[in-house]
Amino acid sequence: MNLEKAYNELKKILSRDQLLLNESMKRHTSFRIGGPADLMIIPSDIEQIKKSYEILKNKGVPILIMGNGSNLLVRDKGIRGAVIKISNRFNKAEVQDQSIHAQSGILLSALSKLALSSGLTGLEFACGIPGTLGGAVTMNAGAYGGEIKDVLKWVSVLDENGNVVIMNKDQIGLGYRTSIFQTTKKIVLEVYLELEKGDYETSRALMHNLTKQRQEKQPLSYPSAGSAFKRPVGYYAGKLIQDAGLKGLRIGDAQVSEKHSGFIINLGNATASQVIELIELIKARVKEEFGIELHPEVKIVGEE
């Protein structure tokens, strides 16, 4: 990899605050954990994303795409290569009748508020999900009975060859917390959502109730990456972990939340290695007690 040459070319298309060297990933993940990324790029339009991807690829620099970092655990040695962070600089959205056309960096919480103010229903479930729209499509994010696949119509993506192409919902393999974007190098750029006409007061009340449920049940006062494990068929991960006697279990500053056992929280100075050790311990104990295999929902990246 030729990072220095890539950096010099990137300086021609990006401003200084869009191009960060040795950037601590603690500043860019909801876990507040992780070593430095060699290079972080924060683009503001499709052309910058496209050109950055082309330069990095041509120089052999490994690329990690991220959104708001709300489902990401970065290992303690950080990330070798470049991180393209598609977030608040790429977050425009436009309402068209009963549809919303949005850039992938917009936060789901902001998008749900836009739908509400536009008299549209279908995104209430997303009001408390902390990630970006691109991240939500990548993992088919959902909560309280709703999922992105319920409202998604098509996406525009940057494919592996650097071309912008349109893909409809049936082409992107949306399933429980999964899509083709987890196993390919395609980058979600823009998303077209199809909603329905709703009643403002009804939607507002539902969003208020969902927010209240989150505040009551989830450990929102501590850094975390949300639910640590996917839900096994027929079970709830949090209940399995609690029934295995693991509520409150702690390794360093990484702890199974005492408020909700499905969450691993950072009490202050947790390291990625502590979180990973705790994940492996939980998996082993639940497997031993109940014969059920837990699979992490959080994405673990970075240098071993």
Protein backbone atom coordinates (compact mmCIF):
# COMPACT_ATOMS: atom_id res chain seq x y z
CA MET A 1 0.00 0.00 0.00
CA ASN A 2 1.18 3.50 -0.82
CA LEU A 3 -0.61 5.65 1.71
CA GLU A 4 1.60 8.73 1.30
CA LYS A 5 0.98 8.99 -2.44
CA ALA A 6 -2.74 8.46 -1.91
CA TYR A 7 -2.78 11.19 0.75
CA ASN A 8 -1.04 13.66 -1.57
CA GLU A 9 -3.62 13.03 -4.30
CA LEU A 10 -6.53 13.21 -1.87
CA LYS A 11 -5.35 16.64 -0.67
CA LYS A 12 -6.23 17.96 -4.15
CA ILE A 13 -9.93 17.09 -3.81
CA LEU A 14 -10.58 17.33 -0.05
CA SER A 15 -10.20 20.12 2.50
CA ARG A 16 -7.90 19.74 5.50
CA ASP A 17 -10.77 18.94 7.89
CA GLN A 18 -11.99 16.18 5.56
CA LEU A 19 -8.65 14.36 5.58
CA LEU A 20 -7.40 13.21 8.98
CA LEU A 21 -4.14 11.34 9.69
CA ASN A 22 -3.75 8.92 12.63
CA GLU A 23 -7.29 9.69 13.72
CA SER A 24 -8.42 8.08 17.00
CA MET A 25 -11.45 5.89 16.35
CA LYS A 26 -12.63 6.55 19.91
CA ARG A 27 -13.91 9.84 18.54
CA HIS A 28 -15.95 8.16 15.83
CA THR A 29 -17.66 5.19 17.50
CA SER A 30 -20.52 5.10 20.00
CA PHE A 31 -18.46 2.59 22.04
CA ARG A 32 -15.74 5.28 22.49
CA ILE A 33 -13.19 2.52 21.91
CA GLY A 34 -10.49 1.93 19.29
CA GLY A 35 -6.99 2.73 18.16
CA PRO A 36 -6.08 5.17 15.37
CA ALA A 37 -6.95 4.90 11.70
CA ASP A 38 -4.00 5.63 9.41
CA LEU A 39 -6.24 7.91 7.38
CA MET A 40 -9.84 9.08 7.69
CA ILE A 41 -11.77 10.67 4.82
CA ILE A 42 -15.03 12.54 5.45
CA PRO A 43 -16.59 13.26 2.03
CA SER A 44 -19.44 15.67 1.37
CA ASP A 45 -20.70 14.57 -2.05
CA ILE A 46 -20.82 11.60 -4.41
CA GLU A 47 -17.95 12.88 -6.54
CA GLN A 48 -15.65 13.03 -3.50
CA ILE A 49 -16.65 9.51 -2.46
CA LYS A 50 -16.08 8.23 -6.00
CA LYS A 51 -12.69 9.94 -6.47
CA SER A 52 -11.46 8.99 -2.99
CA TYR A 53 -12.38 5.36 -3.61
CA GLU A 54 -10.61 5.41 -6.99
CA ILE A 55 -7.40 6.95 -5.57
CA LEU A 56 -7.23 4.53 -2.63
CA LYS A 57 -7.94 1.51 -4.80
CA ASN A 58 -5.32 2.50 -7.38
CA LYS A 59 -2.71 2.96 -4.63
CA GLY A 60 -3.54 -0.39 -3.01
CA VAL A 61 -4.77 1.18 0.24
CA PRO A 62 -7.26 -0.98 2.20
CA ILE A 63 -10.65 0.76 2.58
CA LEU A 64 -13.20 0.57 5.40
CA ILE A 65 -16.57 2.25 4.91
CA MET A 66 -18.34 3.46 8.03
CA GLY A 67 -21.32 5.60 8.97
CA ASN A 68 -21.90 6.97 12.45
CA GLY A 69 -19.90 4.19 14.15
CA SER A 70 -22.86 3.07 16.24
CA ASN A 71 -22.43 -0.62 15.45
CA LEU A 72 -18.65 -0.75 15.30
CA LEU A 73 -15.95 -2.06 17.62
CA VAL A 74 -12.45 -1.02 16.52
CA ARG A 75 -9.56 -3.10 17.87
CA ASP A 76 -6.99 -1.37 20.06
CA LYS A 77 -4.23 -1.18 17.44
CA GLY A 78 -6.57 0.69 15.12
CA ILE A 79 -7.09 0.45 11.39
CA ARG A 80 -4.39 0.13 8.76
CA GLY A 81 -5.33 1.88 5.55
CA ALA A 82 -8.17 4.35 5.09
CA VAL A 83 -11.60 4.84 6.59
CA ILE A 84 -14.23 6.62 4.50
CA LYS A 85 -16.75 8.03 6.95
CA ILE A 86 -20.09 8.74 5.30
CA SER A 87 -22.05 10.71 7.87
CA ASN A 88 -23.12 14.26 8.69
CA ARG A 89 -21.41 15.90 5.70
CA PHE A 90 -23.45 13.73 3.34
CA ASN A 91 -26.92 13.92 4.86
CA LYS A 92 -29.36 15.74 2.57
CA ALA A 93 -32.92 14.45 2.22
CA GLU A 94 -35.89 15.45 0.07
CA VAL A 95 -39.56 14.57 0.53
CA GLN A 96 -41.51 13.83 -2.66
CA ASP A 97 -45.21 13.11 -2.03
CA GLN A 98 -45.10 9.86 0.00
CA SER A 99 -41.42 9.17 -0.62
CA ILE A 100 -38.11 10.34 0.81
CA HIS A 101 -34.93 10.47 -1.28
CA ALA A 102 -31.95 10.73 1.09
CA GLN A 103 -28.17 10.59 1.15
CA SER A 104 -26.80 7.67 3.12
CA GLY A 105 -25.09 9.76 5.80
CA ILE A 106 -28.30 11.12 7.32
CA LEU A 107 -29.09 9.85 10.82
CA LEU A 108 -32.12 7.58 11.11
CA SER A 109 -33.39 9.69 14.02
CA ALA A 110 -33.33 12.81 11.80
CA LEU A 111 -34.99 10.93 8.97
CA SER A 112 -37.83 9.72 11.21
CA LYS A 113 -38.41 13.32 12.37
CA LEU A 114 -38.50 14.47 8.75
CA ALA A 115 -41.12 11.82 7.96
CA LEU A 116 -43.14 12.90 10.99
CA SER A 117 -43.08 16.60 10.06
CA SER A 118 -44.08 15.67 6.49
CA GLY A 119 -47.13 13.72 7.64
CA LEU A 120 -45.70 10.35 6.62
CA THR A 121 -45.80 7.09 8.54
CA GLY A 122 -43.57 4.01 8.42
CA LEU A 123 -40.34 5.25 10.01
CA GLU A 124 -41.52 5.63 13.61
CA PHE A 125 -39.59 2.49 14.62
CA ALA A 126 -36.33 4.22 13.65
CA CYS A 127 -36.69 7.26 15.91
CA GLY A 128 -34.21 5.95 18.50
CA ILE A 129 -31.78 4.04 16.29
CA PRO A 130 -28.47 5.96 16.46
CA GLY A 131 -26.98 4.95 13.10
CA THR A 132 -27.01 6.45 9.61
CA LEU A 133 -29.33 5.46 6.79
CA GLY A 134 -26.47 3.77 4.93
CA GLY A 135 -25.58 1.73 7.98
CA ALA A 136 -29.24 0.87 8.46
CA VAL A 137 -29.50 -0.46 4.91
CA THR A 138 -26.25 -2.39 5.30
CA MET A 139 -27.56 -4.29 8.34
CA ASN A 140 -31.30 -3.95 7.64
CA ALA A 141 -31.69 -2.15 10.94
CA GLY A 142 -34.92 -2.56 12.82
CA ALA A 143 -36.67 -2.14 16.15
CA TYR A 144 -40.11 -2.63 17.69
CA GLY A 145 -41.42 -4.69 14.78
CA GLY A 146 -40.18 -2.45 11.95
CA GLU A 147 -37.22 -2.85 9.58
CA ILE A 148 -35.66 -0.77 6.83
CA LYS A 149 -36.69 -3.39 4.25
CA ASP A 150 -40.34 -2.52 5.02
CA VAL A 151 -39.96 0.96 3.52
CA LEU A 152 -36.97 0.72 1.15
CA LYS A 153 -37.59 0.84 -2.61
CA TRP A 154 -34.15 1.28 -4.20
CA VAL A 155 -30.61 2.44 -3.50
CA SER A 156 -27.83 3.96 -5.57
CA VAL A 157 -24.44 2.42 -4.88
CA LEU A 158 -20.82 2.81 -5.88
CA ASP A 159 -19.84 -0.64 -7.12
CA GLU A 160 -16.46 -2.38 -6.97
CA ASN A 161 -15.47 -0.87 -10.34
CA GLY A 162 -16.22 2.69 -9.27
CA ASN A 163 -19.53 2.97 -11.15
CA VAL A 164 -22.72 4.43 -9.67
CA VAL A 165 -25.57 1.96 -10.20
CA ILE A 166 -29.20 1.63 -9.06
CA MET A 167 -30.29 -1.51 -7.17
CA ASN A 168 -33.84 -2.29 -6.14
CA LYS A 169 -34.80 -3.87 -2.83
CA ASP A 170 -34.92 -7.40 -4.25
CA GLN A 171 -31.30 -7.17 -5.42
CA ILE A 172 -29.67 -6.33 -2.10
CA GLY A 173 -30.48 -9.43 -0.05
CA LEU A 174 -32.15 -7.82 2.93
CA GLY A 175 -32.67 -10.27 5.79
CA TYR A 176 -32.47 -10.24 9.57
CA ARG A 177 -29.60 -7.79 10.25
CA THR A 178 -28.01 -8.56 6.90
CA SER A 179 -27.61 -7.44 3.27
CA ILE A 180 -25.17 -7.94 0.41
CA PHE A 181 -23.33 -4.80 1.55
CA GLN A 182 -21.81 -6.79 4.41
CA THR A 183 -20.07 -9.19 2.05
CA THR A 184 -19.29 -6.96 -0.97
CA LYS A 185 -17.37 -3.72 -1.44
CA LYS A 186 -20.39 -1.81 -2.73
CA ILE A 187 -21.00 1.54 -1.02
CA VAL A 188 -24.52 2.82 -0.33
CA LEU A 189 -24.82 6.40 -1.63
CA GLU A 190 -28.49 7.34 -1.76
CA VAL A 191 -31.68 5.65 -0.63
CA TYR A 192 -35.27 5.95 -1.84
CA LEU A 193 -37.92 5.16 0.78
CA GLU A 194 -41.62 4.63 0.09
CA LEU A 195 -43.85 5.61 3.04
CA GLU A 196 -47.57 6.18 3.58
CA LYS A 197 -49.69 9.17 4.52
CA GLY A 198 -50.10 9.24 8.28
CA ASP A 199 -51.58 11.21 11.13
CA TYR A 200 -49.09 13.55 12.80
CA GLU A 201 -50.41 13.15 16.35
CA THR A 202 -50.63 9.36 16.08
CA SER A 203 -47.06 9.11 14.77
CA ARG A 204 -45.75 11.58 17.34
CA ALA A 205 -47.35 9.65 20.19
CA LEU A 206 -45.89 6.37 18.92
CA MET A 207 -42.41 7.86 18.64
CA HIS A 208 -42.72 9.31 22.14
CA ASN A 209 -43.70 5.89 23.54
CA LEU A 210 -40.87 4.10 21.73
CA THR A 211 -38.36 6.65 23.00
CA LYS A 212 -39.68 6.20 26.54
CA GLN A 213 -39.34 2.40 26.25
CA ARG A 214 -35.72 2.76 25.13
CA GLN A 215 -34.89 5.09 27.99
CA GLU A 216 -36.49 2.75 30.53
CA LYS A 217 -34.99 -0.51 29.25
CA GLN A 218 -31.64 0.33 27.66
CA PRO A 219 -28.39 1.60 29.26
CA LEU A 220 -28.28 4.80 27.22
CA SER A 221 -26.11 6.65 29.75
CA TYR A 222 -23.06 4.49 28.90
CA PRO A 223 -21.16 4.12 25.62
CA SER A 224 -22.10 0.93 23.78
CA ALA A 225 -22.76 -0.39 20.28
CA GLY A 226 -26.39 -1.27 20.98
CA SER A 227 -27.41 -4.91 21.12
CA ALA A 228 -24.23 -6.96 21.31
CA PHE A 229 -25.75 -10.11 19.77
CA LYS A 230 -28.25 -10.98 17.08
CA ARG A 231 -31.49 -12.52 18.29
CA PRO A 232 -31.39 -16.34 18.02
CA VAL A 233 -34.50 -17.84 16.40
CA GLY A 234 -37.10 -18.39 19.09
CA TYR A 235 -35.10 -16.70 21.86
CA TYR A 236 -33.90 -13.31 23.11
CA ALA A 237 -30.14 -12.91 23.50
CA GLY A 238 -30.49 -10.66 26.55
CA LYS A 239 -32.63 -13.19 28.43
CA LEU A 240 -30.26 -16.06 27.60
CA ILE A 241 -27.33 -14.02 28.89
CA GLN A 242 -29.22 -13.09 32.05
CA ASP A 243 -30.40 -16.66 32.65
CA ALA A 244 -26.79 -17.81 32.31
CA GLY A 245 -25.99 -15.62 35.33
CA LEU A 246 -23.93 -13.11 33.36
CA LYS A 247 -25.76 -9.84 34.13
CA GLY A 248 -23.22 -7.35 35.47
CA LEU A 249 -20.22 -9.52 34.50
CA ARG A 250 -17.20 -7.31 34.01
CA ILE A 251 -13.80 -7.58 32.38
CA GLY A 252 -11.90 -4.37 33.04
CA ASP A 253 -14.28 -1.56 32.12
CA ALA A 254 -16.29 -3.72 29.70
CA GLN A 255 -19.48 -4.91 31.37
CA VAL A 256 -22.67 -6.80 30.62
CA SER A 257 -25.20 -4.10 31.42
CA GLU A 258 -27.12 -4.54 34.65
CA LYS A 259 -30.04 -2.72 33.04
CA HIS A 260 -30.25 -4.88 29.88
CA SER A 261 -28.11 -8.01 29.53
CA GLY A 262 -28.17 -7.78 25.73
CA PHE A 263 -25.86 -4.75 25.91
CA ILE A 264 -22.14 -4.60 26.59
CA ILE A 265 -21.23 -1.16 27.93
CA ASN A 266 -18.04 0.84 28.35
CA LEU A 267 -17.81 1.97 31.98
CA GLY A 268 -15.15 4.50 31.06
CA ASN A 269 -11.87 3.06 29.85
CA ALA A 270 -12.79 -0.27 28.29
CA THR A 271 -10.51 -1.62 25.58
CA ALA A 272 -11.58 -3.54 22.50
CA SER A 273 -9.71 -6.60 23.75
CA GLN A 274 -11.76 -6.53 26.97
CA VAL A 275 -15.01 -6.30 25.01
CA ILE A 276 -13.97 -9.13 22.69
CA GLU A 277 -12.96 -11.30 25.66
CA LEU A 278 -16.35 -10.62 27.25
CA ILE A 279 -18.15 -11.48 23.98
CA GLU A 280 -16.30 -14.81 23.76
CA LEU A 281 -17.02 -15.62 27.41
CA ILE A 282 -20.74 -14.89 26.91
CA LYS A 283 -20.89 -17.04 23.79
CA ALA A 284 -19.18 -19.95 25.54
CA ARG A 285 -21.36 -19.76 28.66
CA VAL A 286 -24.65 -19.53 26.73
CA LYS A 287 -23.56 -22.40 24.48
CA GLU A 288 -22.64 -24.48 27.53
CA GLU A 289 -25.85 -23.69 29.44
CA PHE A 290 -28.42 -23.79 26.64
CA GLY A 291 -26.72 -25.24 23.56
CA ILE A 292 -27.46 -22.03 21.64
CA GLU A 293 -24.89 -20.25 19.49
CA LEU A 294 -24.88 -16.47 19.86
CA HIS A 295 -23.61 -14.35 16.96
CA PRO A 296 -22.32 -10.80 17.55
CA GLU A 297 -24.36 -8.01 16.00
CA VAL A 298 -21.54 -5.51 16.48
CA LYS A 299 -19.00 -5.40 13.63
CA ILE A 300 -15.42 -5.90 14.83
CA VAL A 301 -12.71 -4.31 12.67
CA GLY A 302 -9.08 -3.28 12.85
CA GLU A 303 -5.63 -4.75 13.43
CA GLU A 304 -5.40 -7.83 15.65
